[in-house]
Amino acid sequence: MYKEIKDKKKTIAVIGLGYVGLPIALEFAKKVPVIGFDIKDKRIELMKKQIDPSNELVKEDFNNTNISFTSNIEDLKDAHFFIVAVPTPIDDYKNPDLRPLLSATSFVGKVLKKGDYVVYESTVYPGCTEEDCVPLLEKTSGLKCINDFKVGFSPERINPGDRNHTLTKIIKVTSGIDEESAEEIAKTYELIITAGVHRAASIKVAEAAKIIENSQRDINIAFMNELSMMFNRMNINTYDVLEAAGTKWNFLNFFPGLVGGHCIGVDPYYLTYKAAKFGHHAQIINSGRSLNDGMGEYVAKEIVQKLIFMDKTLKQAKVLIMGVTFKENVSDIRNSKVVDVINELKNYGLNVDVVDPYASSEEVNEEYGFKLTKRINPPYDAVVVAVNHKQYLNLNEEYFKAILSEKSLFVDLKGALKNKIEKLTYWSL
């Protein structure tokens, strides 16, 4: 398979062209022919115009690529090496929602041929590829895994908004259903990954490795959030404490904050779900998740208490929230925990305006039921810098004083402007 792909005799297809799939498709397309498939026609039309709907890539990233974009499943019949990179969210009960993954698997199964390969990049619990996806591929295609086609798992490690740690510069973990497929898949990815490839011992090992990467970060951030709650009661600035503790060489560099997005805020639930199937209650992971999921409510409550202390009438108070995406300098609003802060403040009766230089007001309204404020309307009783977009970090104290009322609150959730604020009433996690 590797040799025929390298010799351009067989074609790669990437299923799902979001923030993970599109970069993979374009990198491979610099070397070999690629079919880029997505079910959303609007996204396909944008990519044909060299526009990334996720706003992660620039027009130049599309240059010198041999790629055809399509939403027509019939076009996938020309491919032999399928990479599935679709979202794996959770449902309202915080259980894995495999519908996008199984739908993509069904698409591939309908065009699967003898000798083809299917590699999954979507984050899943250990066992999902072999226990959930393979049976569906076999049922849909009428073929048998190993004998007729091969599968593998190579978890995505892309960091949205990061122009330094890009796809080719991050070591790629790969795996296959047997020794032959493991090696063929590894060599295929080595066509584009300059940082090197780690061959995992099995598909389940690769699945588990990915899911603990984000679970580990989630637990560490939960610890920081708990410290923040403790130090807040003691009237100690958490970031001052972390700065001091960070002078030790082996102190881990984590900070408090809202943990949202489609990775850290979701992936641990896949692991705890699978653990429960084996009769194990994941105490530390579940505790961390519970604490992080409650941070939006905690932040809103702190803001309300401070405004009451300032003798503000809540139903007349105005709050400006700066930033609604799940992290800085990206347009992605999925599973944004800033929304929890906004909704909780509204539940207390406050008037809330929300701005963001990256987010789409239409998408925010469709996802969360409110629109972004086109033009701010000062004075505000509180300003909350919720996301550290670069535009906000360039603002000075005079700007914030100009849009705040005389007696007001400045909230800097991640402490990025701590050293710039001297006169305003300041609070951070």
Protein backbone atom coordinates (compact mmCIF):
# COMPACT_ATOMS: atom_id res chain seq x y z
CA MET A 1 0.00 0.00 0.00
CA TYR A 2 2.73 2.47 0.97
CA LYS A 3 4.70 1.89 -2.24
CA GLU A 4 1.66 2.26 -4.46
CA ILE A 5 0.62 5.45 -2.69
CA LYS A 6 4.16 6.82 -2.98
CA ASP A 7 4.21 5.90 -6.68
CA LYS A 8 0.84 7.65 -7.08
CA LYS A 9 -0.87 4.46 -8.21
CA LYS A 10 -3.34 4.58 -5.30
CA THR A 11 -5.20 7.52 -3.84
CA ILE A 12 -5.75 8.74 -0.28
CA ALA A 13 -9.18 9.98 0.80
CA VAL A 14 -9.70 12.07 3.93
CA ILE A 15 -13.22 11.88 5.39
CA GLY A 16 -14.10 15.00 7.36
CA LEU A 17 -12.34 18.26 6.54
CA GLY A 18 -12.44 20.14 9.82
CA TYR A 19 -9.52 21.49 11.82
CA VAL A 20 -7.95 18.00 11.79
CA GLY A 21 -8.87 16.56 8.41
CA LEU A 22 -8.09 19.50 6.14
CA PRO A 23 -4.44 19.96 7.24
CA ILE A 24 -3.86 16.20 6.81
CA ALA A 25 -5.45 16.21 3.37
CA LEU A 26 -3.39 19.19 2.20
CA GLU A 27 -0.11 17.81 3.52
CA PHE A 28 -0.60 14.49 1.77
CA ALA A 29 -1.75 16.33 -1.36
CA LYS A 30 1.69 17.96 -1.59
CA LYS A 31 3.10 14.47 -2.16
CA VAL A 32 0.35 12.28 -3.65
CA PRO A 33 -3.21 12.53 -5.07
CA VAL A 34 -5.89 13.12 -2.41
CA ILE A 35 -9.68 13.19 -2.32
CA GLY A 36 -11.04 15.51 0.37
CA PHE A 37 -14.58 14.52 1.42
CA ASP A 38 -17.03 16.39 3.64
CA ILE A 39 -20.81 16.11 3.90
CA LYS A 40 -21.30 19.91 4.03
CA ASP A 41 -21.55 21.40 0.55
CA LYS A 42 -20.90 24.96 1.78
CA ARG A 43 -17.58 23.90 3.29
CA ILE A 44 -16.60 22.10 0.08
CA GLU A 45 -17.30 25.21 -2.00
CA LEU A 46 -15.15 27.34 0.30
CA MET A 47 -12.25 24.87 0.13
CA LYS A 48 -12.45 24.80 -3.65
CA LYS A 49 -11.78 28.56 -3.41
CA GLN A 50 -8.79 27.86 -1.14
CA ILE A 51 -10.62 29.06 1.97
CA ASP A 52 -10.44 27.12 5.22
CA PRO A 53 -13.89 27.21 6.88
CA SER A 54 -12.19 26.70 10.27
CA ASN A 55 -9.98 29.78 9.70
CA GLU A 56 -6.89 27.82 10.70
CA LEU A 57 -5.12 27.70 7.34
CA VAL A 58 -4.27 30.48 4.89
CA LYS A 59 -4.66 30.47 1.11
CA GLU A 60 -0.98 29.61 0.60
CA ASP A 61 -1.50 26.30 2.42
CA PHE A 62 -3.59 25.14 -0.55
CA ASN A 63 -0.85 25.88 -3.08
CA ASN A 64 0.96 23.09 -4.93
CA THR A 65 -1.51 20.41 -3.83
CA ASN A 66 -3.07 17.60 -5.86
CA ILE A 67 -6.45 17.48 -4.16
CA SER A 68 -10.08 17.28 -5.26
CA PHE A 69 -12.80 18.36 -2.84
CA THR A 70 -16.17 16.62 -2.92
CA SER A 71 -19.35 15.83 -1.01
CA ASN A 72 -20.28 13.07 -3.43
CA ILE A 73 -19.76 9.61 -1.94
CA GLU A 74 -19.36 8.14 -5.44
CA ASP A 75 -16.05 9.99 -5.77
CA LEU A 76 -14.65 7.95 -2.89
CA LYS A 77 -14.67 4.82 -5.03
CA ASP A 78 -11.39 6.00 -6.56
CA ALA A 79 -9.61 5.91 -3.18
CA HIS A 80 -7.77 3.02 -1.53
CA PHE A 81 -6.42 4.52 1.72
CA PHE A 82 -9.14 6.17 3.81
CA ILE A 83 -8.41 8.52 6.72
CA VAL A 84 -11.42 9.23 8.94
CA ALA A 85 -11.15 12.52 10.84
CA VAL A 86 -14.63 13.41 12.06
CA PRO A 87 -15.73 14.84 15.44
CA THR A 88 -16.37 12.55 18.41
CA PRO A 89 -18.51 14.65 20.78
CA ILE A 90 -20.50 13.72 23.87
CA ASP A 91 -24.29 13.76 24.23
CA ASP A 92 -26.42 15.62 26.78
CA TYR A 93 -25.70 12.89 29.33
CA LYS A 94 -21.93 13.18 28.77
CA ASN A 95 -21.72 9.81 27.10
CA PRO A 96 -19.78 9.26 23.85
CA ASP A 97 -21.74 10.28 20.76
CA LEU A 98 -20.40 8.04 17.99
CA ARG A 99 -22.96 9.05 15.38
CA PRO A 100 -20.56 11.16 13.25
CA LEU A 101 -17.91 8.43 13.44
CA LEU A 102 -20.28 5.59 12.57
CA SER A 103 -21.85 7.63 9.78
CA ALA A 104 -18.40 8.24 8.25
CA THR A 105 -17.59 4.54 8.70
CA SER A 106 -20.77 3.63 6.83
CA PHE A 107 -19.77 5.94 3.97
CA VAL A 108 -16.37 4.25 3.72
CA GLY A 109 -17.91 0.78 3.95
CA LYS A 110 -20.06 1.48 0.90
CA VAL A 111 -17.00 2.12 -1.29
CA LEU A 112 -14.53 -0.25 0.40
CA LYS A 113 -12.69 -2.68 -1.88
CA LYS A 114 -10.38 -5.62 -1.37
CA GLY A 115 -6.91 -4.46 -0.40
CA ASP A 116 -8.07 -1.07 0.94
CA TYR A 117 -6.95 0.52 4.21
CA VAL A 118 -9.03 2.54 6.70
CA VAL A 119 -7.24 4.64 9.34
CA TYR A 120 -9.10 6.46 12.11
CA GLU A 121 -7.86 9.74 13.57
CA SER A 122 -10.95 10.62 15.61
CA THR A 123 -10.41 10.41 19.39
CA VAL A 124 -12.21 7.37 20.82
CA TYR A 125 -12.12 5.07 23.82
CA PRO A 126 -9.82 2.01 23.69
CA GLY A 127 -11.45 -0.71 21.62
CA CYS A 128 -13.74 1.50 19.55
CA THR A 129 -11.95 0.96 16.23
CA GLU A 130 -12.04 -2.83 16.44
CA GLU A 131 -15.29 -3.27 18.37
CA ASP A 132 -17.52 -0.58 16.85
CA CYS A 133 -16.05 0.49 13.52
CA VAL A 134 -14.71 -2.76 12.06
CA PRO A 135 -18.02 -4.68 12.37
CA LEU A 136 -19.81 -1.82 10.61
CA LEU A 137 -17.20 -1.75 7.83
CA GLU A 138 -17.63 -5.51 7.38
CA LYS A 139 -21.42 -5.31 7.41
CA THR A 140 -21.59 -2.41 4.95
CA SER A 141 -18.92 -3.69 2.55
CA GLY A 142 -19.50 -7.42 2.77
CA LEU A 143 -15.73 -7.82 3.22
CA LYS A 144 -13.70 -9.28 6.09
CA CYS A 145 -11.14 -7.30 8.06
CA ILE A 146 -7.52 -8.49 7.74
CA ASN A 147 -8.35 -10.92 4.93
CA ASP A 148 -9.93 -8.32 2.62
CA PHE A 149 -9.07 -4.93 4.08
CA LYS A 150 -6.92 -3.48 6.87
CA VAL A 151 -7.59 -0.89 9.56
CA GLY A 152 -5.45 1.27 11.79
CA PHE A 153 -5.60 4.12 14.28
CA SER A 154 -3.44 7.24 14.29
CA PRO A 155 -4.69 9.85 16.77
CA GLU A 156 -4.71 13.51 15.80
CA ARG A 157 -2.50 15.85 17.82
CA ILE A 158 -3.22 19.17 16.15
CA ASN A 159 -3.36 22.20 18.44
CA PRO A 160 -5.83 24.77 17.04
CA GLY A 161 -4.39 28.26 16.71
CA ASP A 162 -0.81 27.05 17.10
CA ARG A 163 1.32 27.96 14.07
CA ASN A 164 4.46 26.45 15.62
CA HIS A 165 3.38 22.93 16.62
CA THR A 166 1.82 22.10 13.27
CA LEU A 167 0.91 18.68 11.88
CA THR A 168 4.27 17.76 10.37
CA LYS A 169 6.25 18.93 13.41
CA ILE A 170 4.48 16.71 15.96
CA ILE A 171 5.50 13.06 16.39
CA LYS A 172 2.72 10.89 14.96
CA VAL A 173 1.48 7.79 16.78
CA THR A 174 0.38 5.06 14.36
CA SER A 175 -0.96 1.51 14.67
CA GLY A 176 -2.47 -1.27 12.60
CA ILE A 177 -4.66 -4.36 12.95
CA ASP A 178 -1.66 -6.60 12.22
CA GLU A 179 2.09 -6.28 11.72
CA GLU A 180 1.85 -5.68 7.99
CA SER A 181 -0.76 -2.92 8.24
CA ALA A 182 1.04 -1.31 11.18
CA GLU A 183 4.18 -0.90 9.10
CA GLU A 184 2.39 0.18 5.91
CA ILE A 185 0.41 2.83 7.81
CA ALA A 186 3.50 4.10 9.61
CA LYS A 187 5.47 4.43 6.37
CA THR A 188 2.56 6.20 4.69
CA TYR A 189 2.45 8.86 7.41
CA GLU A 190 6.23 9.19 7.22
CA LEU A 191 5.66 10.70 3.78
CA ILE A 192 4.55 13.92 5.51
CA ILE A 193 5.55 13.81 9.19
CA THR A 194 9.03 15.31 9.54
CA ALA A 195 9.07 14.91 13.34
CA GLY A 196 8.91 11.12 13.02
CA VAL A 197 6.42 8.33 13.68
CA HIS A 198 5.96 6.26 16.83
CA ARG A 199 4.68 2.75 16.08
CA ALA A 200 2.29 1.85 18.90
CA ALA A 201 2.07 -1.77 20.04
CA SER A 202 -1.60 -2.07 19.03
CA ILE A 203 -4.65 -0.10 17.99
CA LYS A 204 -5.96 -0.09 21.56
CA VAL A 205 -2.63 1.27 22.83
CA ALA A 206 -2.79 4.10 20.30
CA GLU A 207 -6.41 4.86 21.24
CA ALA A 208 -5.54 4.87 24.94
CA ALA A 209 -2.44 7.02 24.45
CA LYS A 210 -4.44 9.77 22.79
CA ILE A 211 -7.20 9.82 25.34
CA ILE A 212 -4.88 10.04 28.36
CA GLU A 213 -2.99 12.96 26.80
CA ASN A 214 -6.06 15.16 27.21
CA SER A 215 -7.25 13.51 30.43
CA GLN A 216 -3.89 14.29 32.03
CA ARG A 217 -4.19 17.97 31.09
CA ASP A 218 -7.78 18.05 32.34
CA ILE A 219 -6.79 16.68 35.76
CA ASN A 220 -3.88 19.10 36.12
CA ILE A 221 -6.03 22.10 35.19
CA ALA A 222 -8.68 20.91 37.66
CA PHE A 223 -6.02 20.98 40.40
CA MET A 224 -5.13 24.54 39.41
CA ASN A 225 -8.82 25.53 39.49
CA GLU A 226 -9.21 24.09 42.96
CA LEU A 227 -6.12 25.98 44.11
CA SER A 228 -7.65 29.13 42.63
CA MET A 229 -10.81 28.64 44.69
CA MET A 230 -8.76 28.11 47.84
CA PHE A 231 -6.44 31.06 47.30
CA ASN A 232 -9.38 33.31 46.43
CA ARG A 233 -10.74 32.76 49.94
CA MET A 234 -7.31 33.51 51.37
CA ASN A 235 -7.03 36.71 49.30
CA ILE A 236 -3.92 35.39 47.52
CA ASN A 237 -3.37 35.85 43.79
CA THR A 238 -3.07 32.39 42.23
CA TYR A 239 -0.78 33.57 39.44
CA ASP A 240 1.64 35.08 41.96
CA VAL A 241 1.74 31.70 43.70
CA LEU A 242 2.31 29.82 40.44
CA GLU A 243 5.03 32.23 39.40
CA ALA A 244 6.87 31.57 42.65
CA ALA A 245 6.34 27.81 42.58
CA GLY A 246 7.37 27.71 38.92
CA THR A 247 10.94 28.66 39.82
CA LYS A 248 11.50 25.01 40.77
CA TRP A 249 12.79 23.02 37.78
CA ASN A 250 10.24 20.19 37.99
CA PHE A 251 7.10 22.18 38.80
CA LEU A 252 4.42 21.45 36.17
CA ASN A 253 3.38 24.48 34.13
CA PHE A 254 -0.43 24.48 34.35
CA PHE A 255 -2.85 27.34 35.04
CA PRO A 256 -6.49 27.71 36.13
CA GLY A 257 -9.18 28.46 33.55
CA LEU A 258 -12.34 27.44 31.75
CA VAL A 259 -11.85 24.01 30.18
CA GLY A 260 -13.95 23.70 27.05
CA GLY A 261 -13.45 22.80 23.43
CA HIS A 262 -13.78 19.47 21.67
CA CYS A 263 -10.75 17.75 23.23
CA ILE A 264 -9.85 18.34 26.88
CA GLY A 265 -13.44 19.01 27.91
CA VAL A 266 -14.75 15.92 26.09
CA ASP A 267 -12.15 13.15 25.80
CA PRO A 268 -12.02 12.18 29.52
CA TYR A 269 -15.68 11.19 29.32
CA TYR A 270 -14.80 8.63 26.64
CA LEU A 271 -12.27 7.05 29.00
CA THR A 272 -14.55 7.04 32.06
CA TYR A 273 -17.36 5.58 29.94
CA LYS A 274 -15.20 2.66 28.85
CA ALA A 275 -13.78 2.17 32.35
CA ALA A 276 -17.33 1.89 33.73
CA LYS A 277 -18.01 -0.91 31.22
CA PHE A 278 -15.26 -2.85 32.99
CA GLY A 279 -16.67 -2.06 36.43
CA HIS A 280 -14.19 0.67 37.35
CA HIS A 281 -15.29 4.10 38.58
CA ALA A 282 -12.57 6.58 37.56
CA GLN A 283 -12.48 8.71 40.68
CA ILE A 284 -9.74 11.21 39.86
CA ILE A 285 -10.84 11.75 36.24
CA ASN A 286 -14.51 12.17 37.20
CA SER A 287 -13.65 14.54 40.04
CA GLY A 288 -11.52 16.67 37.73
CA ARG A 289 -14.27 16.75 35.12
CA SER A 290 -16.89 17.74 37.68
CA LEU A 291 -14.74 20.55 39.01
CA ASN A 292 -13.85 21.89 35.57
CA ASP A 293 -17.43 21.65 34.33
CA GLY A 294 -18.52 23.82 37.27
CA MET A 295 -16.02 26.63 36.72
CA GLY A 296 -18.38 28.78 34.62
CA GLU A 297 -20.93 28.81 37.42
CA TYR A 298 -18.20 29.56 39.97
CA VAL A 299 -16.87 32.52 37.96
CA ALA A 300 -20.35 34.01 37.49
CA LYS A 301 -21.13 33.65 41.19
CA GLU A 302 -17.90 35.44 42.15
CA ILE A 303 -18.68 38.30 39.75
CA VAL A 304 -22.21 38.66 41.14
CA GLN A 305 -21.02 38.67 44.75
CA LYS A 306 -18.44 41.35 44.01
CA LEU A 307 -21.00 43.53 42.21
CA ILE A 308 -23.40 43.21 45.15
CA PHE A 309 -20.55 44.22 47.48
CA MET A 310 -20.14 47.32 45.28
CA ASP A 311 -23.85 48.12 45.90
CA LYS A 312 -24.79 47.38 42.28
CA THR A 313 -28.41 46.55 41.47
CA LEU A 314 -28.11 43.33 39.49
CA LYS A 315 -31.05 43.92 37.15
CA GLN A 316 -29.56 47.26 36.15
CA ALA A 317 -25.94 46.09 36.01
CA LYS A 318 -24.20 45.72 32.65
CA VAL A 319 -21.38 43.27 31.97
CA LEU A 320 -19.15 43.06 28.91
CA ILE A 321 -17.76 39.61 28.12
CA MET A 322 -14.69 39.78 25.88
CA GLY A 323 -14.19 36.47 24.07
CA VAL A 324 -16.52 33.51 23.54
CA THR A 325 -14.41 30.97 21.60
CA PHE A 326 -13.10 27.94 23.48
CA LYS A 327 -9.50 29.22 23.36
CA GLU A 328 -7.49 32.23 22.28
CA ASN A 329 -6.97 33.29 18.66
CA VAL A 330 -9.30 30.70 17.10
CA SER A 331 -12.84 30.94 15.70
CA ASP A 332 -14.05 27.62 17.15
CA ILE A 333 -16.94 28.02 19.59
CA ARG A 334 -17.68 24.34 20.20
CA ASN A 335 -18.20 23.48 23.87
CA SER A 336 -17.08 26.94 24.98
CA LYS A 337 -17.32 27.23 28.75
CA VAL A 338 -17.48 31.03 28.49
CA VAL A 339 -21.12 30.39 27.56
CA ASP A 340 -21.67 28.91 31.03
CA VAL A 341 -20.49 32.20 32.56
CA ILE A 342 -22.77 34.20 30.24
CA ASN A 343 -25.86 32.08 30.92
CA GLU A 344 -25.30 32.11 34.68
CA LEU A 345 -24.91 35.91 34.74
CA LYS A 346 -28.14 36.22 32.77
CA ASN A 347 -29.85 33.91 35.26
CA TYR A 348 -28.93 36.42 37.98
CA GLY A 349 -30.66 39.12 35.94
CA LEU A 350 -27.60 40.95 34.64
CA ASN A 351 -27.47 42.57 31.19
CA VAL A 352 -24.67 40.91 29.24
CA ASP A 353 -22.97 42.05 26.04
CA VAL A 354 -20.57 39.64 24.32
CA VAL A 355 -17.86 40.49 21.79
CA ASP A 356 -15.26 38.39 20.00
CA PRO A 357 -12.99 39.30 17.05
CA TYR A 358 -12.87 35.70 15.78
CA ALA A 359 -16.28 34.15 16.41
CA SER A 360 -19.20 34.28 13.98
CA SER A 361 -22.30 35.88 15.50
CA GLU A 362 -24.46 33.67 13.29
CA GLU A 363 -22.75 30.50 14.54
CA VAL A 364 -22.95 31.65 18.17
CA ASN A 365 -26.66 32.34 17.79
CA GLU A 366 -27.25 28.99 16.12
CA GLU A 367 -25.28 27.08 18.77
CA TYR A 368 -26.12 29.00 21.96
CA GLY A 369 -29.12 31.23 21.26
CA PHE A 370 -27.60 34.70 21.55
CA LYS A 371 -25.83 37.09 19.18
CA LEU A 372 -22.57 38.94 19.55
CA THR A 373 -22.71 42.66 20.23
CA LYS A 374 -21.76 44.61 17.11
CA ARG A 375 -20.86 47.78 18.96
CA ILE A 376 -20.18 48.01 22.68
CA ASN A 377 -22.42 50.26 24.77
CA PRO A 378 -20.48 51.59 27.79
CA PRO A 379 -20.36 52.28 30.63
CA TYR A 380 -20.20 48.75 32.04
CA ASP A 381 -20.26 47.71 35.68
CA ALA A 382 -17.93 44.81 34.93
CA VAL A 383 -15.65 43.81 32.07
CA VAL A 384 -14.60 40.17 31.80
CA VAL A 385 -11.61 39.26 29.61
CA ALA A 386 -12.68 35.64 29.22
CA VAL A 387 -10.43 34.63 26.32
CA ASN A 388 -6.87 35.86 25.81
CA HIS A 389 -7.20 36.93 22.20
CA LYS A 390 -4.14 38.87 21.07
CA GLN A 391 -6.31 41.93 20.40
CA TYR A 392 -7.26 42.11 24.07
CA LEU A 393 -3.74 41.64 25.37
CA ASN A 394 -2.68 44.82 23.56
CA LEU A 395 -5.23 46.95 25.43
CA ASN A 396 -4.13 49.09 28.39
CA GLU A 397 -5.80 50.09 31.63
CA GLU A 398 -6.91 53.44 30.20
CA TYR A 399 -9.04 51.65 27.61
CA PHE A 400 -10.84 49.59 30.24
CA LYS A 401 -11.31 52.63 32.51
CA ALA A 402 -12.96 54.44 29.61
CA ILE A 403 -15.64 51.75 29.15
CA LEU A 404 -16.25 51.03 32.84
CA SER A 405 -18.45 52.97 35.26
CA GLU A 406 -16.88 54.82 38.15
CA LYS A 407 -17.32 51.98 40.62
CA SER A 408 -16.75 48.77 38.71
CA LEU A 409 -15.03 45.41 38.39
CA PHE A 410 -12.32 44.21 35.99
CA VAL A 411 -12.12 40.40 35.60
CA ASP A 412 -9.04 38.91 33.96
CA LEU A 413 -9.85 35.21 34.03
CA LYS A 414 -6.41 33.91 33.01
CA GLY A 415 -4.33 36.64 34.64
CA ALA A 416 -2.80 37.81 31.37
CA LEU A 417 -3.24 41.53 32.15
CA LYS A 418 -2.34 41.32 35.83
CA ASN A 419 0.70 43.58 35.58
CA LYS A 420 -1.16 46.19 33.51
CA ILE A 421 -4.01 46.86 35.92
CA GLU A 422 -3.20 49.08 38.91
CA LYS A 423 -6.21 51.30 39.63
CA LEU A 424 -9.24 49.19 38.75
CA THR A 425 -10.80 46.66 41.10
CA TYR A 426 -9.19 43.50 39.76
CA TRP A 427 -10.04 39.81 40.04
CA SER A 428 -8.70 36.71 38.31
CA LEU A 429 -8.82 32.96 38.83
